[in-house]
């Protein structure tokens, strides 16, 4: 567990707006040990009018939380991003046809579960605001429109960002 004495003020990186600290003890993030000379690369900035003692517990909690995110990020990369990278590795005349690559497939702007996308088939959207409206004002929308990233239907339409708005990073 990191404690306040594990932080050392970095005068070179501090200014009138922020006080910078480096760690003097090893930490483990994503099962990767950050130690010794690499600790110089861990910067923690505290607002100029704040004291390290007042926020030390938040910093420790954040480092612990960040360290535990490995499984969440791994799942994200294995699902959402892996499909995109697979598409990029295919010849340009071959397209993966699935909900994630479909014009109707939109992510939830408030957050979605792993391997989840929402079908906006038969709904015209022109902006992120429109997408937000559907998620905010239609209580049954999420359950009715939830799909898996690799689901497929016969109404697949290629994403054309220059012609149709899609809240999707494909």
Foldseek 3Di string as FASTA:
>chain_A
DDDPVQWDWDVVPDDQFWTKIFGNQWDAALNRIQDDPSSVVDIDIDTNVDDCVVCVVVVVVVSVVRRVCNVVVVLCCVFQVVQVVVQVVDPPVDGQFALQQFQQWADQPVDDDRQKTFGNVVHADDDVVRSNCCVVPPPCRCVVGIDGRGHHDPPGDGDDVVPGDGNHPD
